[in-house]
Amino acid sequence: MRVLIADHNDVVRLGLRTLLERESDITVVAEAGDGTELIARLLRRPPDVVVLDAELPGLDTREIPSQIVEAAGVVVVSAADDRAAIARAVGAGALSYLVHGQFDLGELAGIVRLAAAGQPYLTPSASAAVVEYFRRDAGLAPYGGLTAREREVMDLVAQGLSNQDVADRLAVSIKTVKNHLHRVFRQLKVTDRRSASDVWRRQPVTFSPATDAGTCGGASR
């Protein structure tokens, strides 16, 4: 199996290479320290598996580029137990998601073999994040037509972020955020941010007086 290790830390890359190359059936064919380098190495010498740092500079593992997941099995390794990030990474195509402290380094070679065979492996909190995501999806079945970006916008709004904060976080314009919210409001059948957030958090909704459900005026803040 050919493996590409993508991690911002030189010492971590060396440690992973040493660990994996103890196995007779695994060869580390390339390393990358950021997203640009990863894509270049991937195109030059496609591996079977990419072991990917969740915090790799220049790459958002919540939205893994299709050229990576189409070329290789992706094993994301993270120090953070961020359920939203985990669910989005798996939704973007990661086969495995490993949270430090929830797996032994000795298991890594076996996890790489699974990824090369197209089989997933999730550490406990990653499994919980994926189950939670699908449960919420089932609970929001009437709203299943929302795009991944619209769900991401609504996740941030439900956390109390303003439209400007959401725009800054996602590196999009505030107009784009408002457009997403207009569609989310229609799907959730609400007219303001508070009601939308209540629905999103699966809490009872206290509807504000509506002037015109089609205007979704609450999206303007």
Protein backbone atom coordinates (compact mmCIF):
# COMPACT_ATOMS: atom_id res chain seq x y z
CA MET A 1 0.00 0.00 0.00
CA ARG A 2 1.20 3.47 -0.92
CA VAL A 3 0.62 6.11 1.74
CA LEU A 4 0.91 9.91 1.66
CA ILE A 5 1.29 11.61 5.05
CA ALA A 6 -0.02 15.19 5.23
CA ASP A 7 0.73 16.95 8.53
CA HIS A 8 1.96 20.43 9.38
CA ASN A 9 4.39 19.09 11.99
CA ASP A 10 7.73 17.69 10.74
CA VAL A 11 8.21 15.56 13.85
CA VAL A 12 4.74 14.03 13.57
CA ARG A 13 5.34 13.19 9.90
CA LEU A 14 8.62 11.50 10.77
CA GLY A 15 6.96 9.51 13.56
CA LEU A 16 4.11 8.37 11.34
CA ARG A 17 6.49 7.41 8.54
CA THR A 18 8.66 5.37 10.94
CA LEU A 19 5.61 3.65 12.41
CA LEU A 20 4.00 2.77 9.10
CA GLU A 21 7.16 1.68 7.31
CA ARG A 22 7.73 -1.01 9.93
CA GLU A 23 5.01 -2.86 8.04
CA SER A 24 6.20 -4.89 5.06
CA ASP A 25 3.09 -4.08 3.00
CA ILE A 26 3.10 -0.29 3.53
CA THR A 27 5.32 2.28 1.81
CA VAL A 28 5.18 6.02 2.51
CA VAL A 29 5.56 7.47 -0.98
CA ALA A 30 5.26 11.19 -0.12
CA GLU A 31 4.81 13.76 2.63
CA ALA A 32 3.14 17.17 2.64
CA GLY A 33 3.14 20.03 5.13
CA ASP A 34 0.18 22.02 3.77
CA GLY A 35 -2.79 21.77 1.44
CA THR A 36 -1.01 23.05 -1.66
CA GLU A 37 1.84 20.60 -1.22
CA LEU A 38 -0.64 17.78 -0.61
CA ILE A 39 -2.45 18.36 -3.91
CA ALA A 40 0.84 18.60 -5.80
CA ARG A 41 2.18 15.36 -4.26
CA LEU A 42 -1.15 13.63 -4.83
CA LEU A 43 -1.20 14.48 -8.52
CA ARG A 44 2.45 13.56 -9.01
CA ARG A 45 2.30 10.15 -7.35
CA PRO A 46 -1.22 9.03 -6.34
CA PRO A 47 -1.25 6.95 -3.14
CA ASP A 48 -3.75 4.38 -1.93
CA VAL A 49 -4.27 6.20 1.37
CA VAL A 50 -3.79 9.76 2.64
CA VAL A 51 -3.20 10.14 6.39
CA LEU A 52 -4.44 13.69 6.87
CA ASP A 53 -3.91 16.16 9.70
CA ALA A 54 -7.28 17.75 10.55
CA GLU A 55 -5.51 21.08 11.05
CA LEU A 56 -3.45 20.98 7.86
CA PRO A 57 -2.76 24.59 6.76
CA GLY A 58 -4.43 25.51 3.50
CA LEU A 59 -6.99 22.71 3.63
CA ASP A 60 -10.38 22.63 5.34
CA THR A 61 -10.95 18.97 6.25
CA ARG A 62 -14.65 19.75 6.72
CA GLU A 63 -14.80 20.13 2.94
CA ILE A 64 -12.15 17.75 1.63
CA PRO A 65 -11.58 18.41 -2.10
CA SER A 66 -13.09 15.73 -4.31
CA GLN A 67 -9.76 15.16 -6.06
CA ILE A 68 -8.38 13.82 -2.77
CA VAL A 69 -11.22 11.47 -1.81
CA GLU A 70 -11.52 10.23 -5.40
CA ALA A 71 -7.80 9.42 -5.56
CA ALA A 72 -7.29 7.72 -2.20
CA GLY A 73 -8.84 6.54 1.03
CA VAL A 74 -8.63 9.40 3.53
CA VAL A 75 -7.77 8.85 7.21
CA VAL A 76 -8.17 12.10 9.17
CA VAL A 77 -6.26 12.42 12.44
CA SER A 78 -7.29 15.15 14.88
CA ALA A 79 -6.42 16.38 18.35
CA ALA A 80 -9.87 17.96 18.72
CA ASP A 81 -13.13 16.21 19.54
CA ASP A 82 -15.29 18.56 17.45
CA ARG A 83 -18.45 16.66 16.51
CA ALA A 84 -19.60 19.11 13.86
CA ALA A 85 -16.19 19.04 12.17
CA ILE A 86 -16.09 15.24 12.35
CA ALA A 87 -19.53 14.83 10.78
CA ARG A 88 -18.69 17.26 7.99
CA ALA A 89 -15.35 15.56 7.26
CA VAL A 90 -17.00 12.15 7.02
CA GLY A 91 -19.75 13.67 4.90
CA ALA A 92 -17.07 15.13 2.63
CA GLY A 93 -15.62 11.69 2.00
CA ALA A 94 -13.18 10.81 4.81
CA LEU A 95 -13.24 7.04 5.36
CA SER A 96 -11.73 7.18 8.83
CA TYR A 97 -11.60 9.82 11.55
CA LEU A 98 -9.26 9.30 14.48
CA VAL A 99 -9.24 11.47 17.59
CA HIS A 100 -6.00 11.41 19.57
CA GLY A 101 -6.31 9.53 22.83
CA GLN A 102 -9.01 7.24 21.43
CA PHE A 103 -6.77 4.88 19.47
CA ASP A 104 -3.35 3.29 19.88
CA LEU A 105 -0.61 4.14 17.41
CA GLY A 106 -0.17 0.40 16.94
CA GLU A 107 -3.65 0.31 15.39
CA LEU A 108 -2.79 2.83 12.68
CA ALA A 109 -1.38 0.33 10.20
CA GLY A 110 -4.54 -1.75 10.41
CA ILE A 111 -6.69 1.37 9.93
CA VAL A 112 -4.64 2.30 6.86
CA ARG A 113 -5.22 -1.20 5.47
CA LEU A 114 -8.97 -0.78 5.98
CA ALA A 115 -8.92 2.58 4.19
CA ALA A 116 -6.99 1.08 1.28
CA ALA A 117 -9.77 -1.51 1.00
CA GLY A 118 -12.43 1.21 1.12
CA GLN A 119 -13.59 0.33 4.63
CA PRO A 120 -14.25 2.95 7.33
CA TYR A 121 -12.93 3.20 10.86
CA LEU A 122 -14.12 5.75 13.44
CA THR A 123 -12.90 6.28 16.97
CA PRO A 124 -15.69 6.47 19.60
CA SER A 125 -16.37 10.21 19.53
CA ALA A 126 -16.26 10.18 15.73
CA SER A 127 -18.83 7.37 15.66
CA ALA A 128 -21.02 9.34 18.06
CA ALA A 129 -20.75 12.44 15.87
CA VAL A 130 -21.85 10.55 12.76
CA VAL A 131 -24.76 8.88 14.59
CA GLU A 132 -25.82 12.24 16.00
CA TYR A 133 -25.67 13.79 12.52
CA PHE A 134 -27.91 11.13 10.98
CA ARG A 135 -30.32 11.24 13.90
CA ARG A 136 -30.65 14.98 13.48
CA ASP A 137 -31.03 14.50 9.76
CA ALA A 138 -33.88 12.08 10.39
CA GLY A 139 -35.47 14.52 12.82
CA LEU A 140 -35.23 17.25 10.21
CA ALA A 141 -36.51 15.01 7.42
CA PRO A 142 -38.77 17.71 5.91
CA TYR A 143 -35.69 19.91 5.62
CA GLY A 144 -33.42 17.30 4.05
CA GLY A 145 -33.24 19.40 0.88
CA LEU A 146 -30.85 21.86 2.52
CA THR A 147 -27.34 21.92 1.11
CA ALA A 148 -24.27 21.23 3.23
CA ARG A 149 -23.44 24.95 3.16
CA GLU A 150 -26.95 25.94 4.25
CA ARG A 151 -26.71 23.52 7.15
CA GLU A 152 -23.31 24.93 8.06
CA VAL A 153 -24.71 28.48 8.03
CA MET A 154 -27.63 27.42 10.22
CA ASP A 155 -25.29 25.60 12.63
CA LEU A 156 -23.40 28.86 13.16
CA VAL A 157 -26.55 30.97 13.46
CA ALA A 158 -27.90 28.53 16.06
CA GLN A 159 -24.68 29.11 18.03
CA GLY A 160 -25.55 32.81 18.20
CA LEU A 161 -23.27 34.18 15.49
CA SER A 162 -24.40 37.26 13.55
CA ASN A 163 -24.60 37.23 9.76
CA GLN A 164 -21.31 39.15 9.60
CA ASP A 165 -19.67 36.64 11.95
CA VAL A 166 -20.94 33.76 9.82
CA ALA A 167 -19.68 35.46 6.65
CA ASP A 168 -16.25 35.99 8.23
CA ARG A 169 -16.07 32.41 9.49
CA LEU A 170 -16.97 30.92 6.10
CA ALA A 171 -15.09 33.50 4.01
CA VAL A 172 -18.18 34.45 2.01
CA SER A 173 -20.11 37.70 1.56
CA ILE A 174 -22.86 38.72 3.95
CA LYS A 175 -25.25 38.70 0.98
CA THR A 176 -24.44 35.02 0.44
CA VAL A 177 -25.23 34.30 4.09
CA LYS A 178 -28.58 36.10 3.80
CA ASN A 179 -29.45 34.15 0.67
CA HIS A 180 -28.72 30.89 2.45
CA LEU A 181 -30.86 31.94 5.41
CA HIS A 182 -33.80 32.89 3.21
CA ARG A 183 -33.88 29.35 1.86
CA VAL A 184 -33.35 27.79 5.30
CA PHE A 185 -36.23 29.82 6.73
CA ARG A 186 -38.52 28.62 3.96
CA GLN A 187 -37.52 25.02 4.60
CA LEU A 188 -37.99 25.35 8.37
CA LYS A 189 -41.26 27.27 7.86
CA VAL A 190 -40.18 30.14 10.13
CA THR A 191 -39.66 33.85 9.58
CA ASP A 192 -36.92 34.82 12.02
CA ARG A 193 -33.55 33.72 13.35
CA ARG A 194 -34.73 32.88 16.85
CA SER A 195 -37.42 30.49 15.64
CA ALA A 196 -35.04 28.94 13.14
CA SER A 197 -32.44 28.41 15.87
CA ASP A 198 -35.05 26.81 18.14
CA VAL A 199 -36.05 24.37 15.39
CA TRP A 200 -32.42 23.64 14.59
CA ARG A 201 -31.61 22.88 18.21
CA ARG A 202 -34.72 20.69 18.38
CA GLN A 203 -36.36 22.92 21.01
CA PRO A 204 -39.99 24.06 21.14
CA VAL A 205 -40.52 27.00 18.81
CA THR A 206 -41.88 30.35 19.94
CA PHE A 207 -42.93 31.97 16.70
CA SER A 208 -42.61 35.72 16.28
CA PRO A 209 -45.53 37.53 14.67
CA ALA A 210 -45.12 37.11 10.93
CA THR A 211 -45.75 39.94 8.53
CA ASP A 212 -45.01 38.04 5.35
CA ALA A 213 -43.60 34.53 5.51
CA GLY A 214 -42.11 34.98 2.08
CA THR A 215 -39.89 37.91 3.08
CA CYS A 216 -37.94 36.06 5.81
CA GLY A 217 -37.09 39.41 7.33
CA GLY A 218 -35.20 37.81 10.22
CA ALA A 219 -32.38 36.98 7.83
CA SER A 220 -31.40 40.63 7.55
CA ARG A 221 -29.67 40.91 10.89
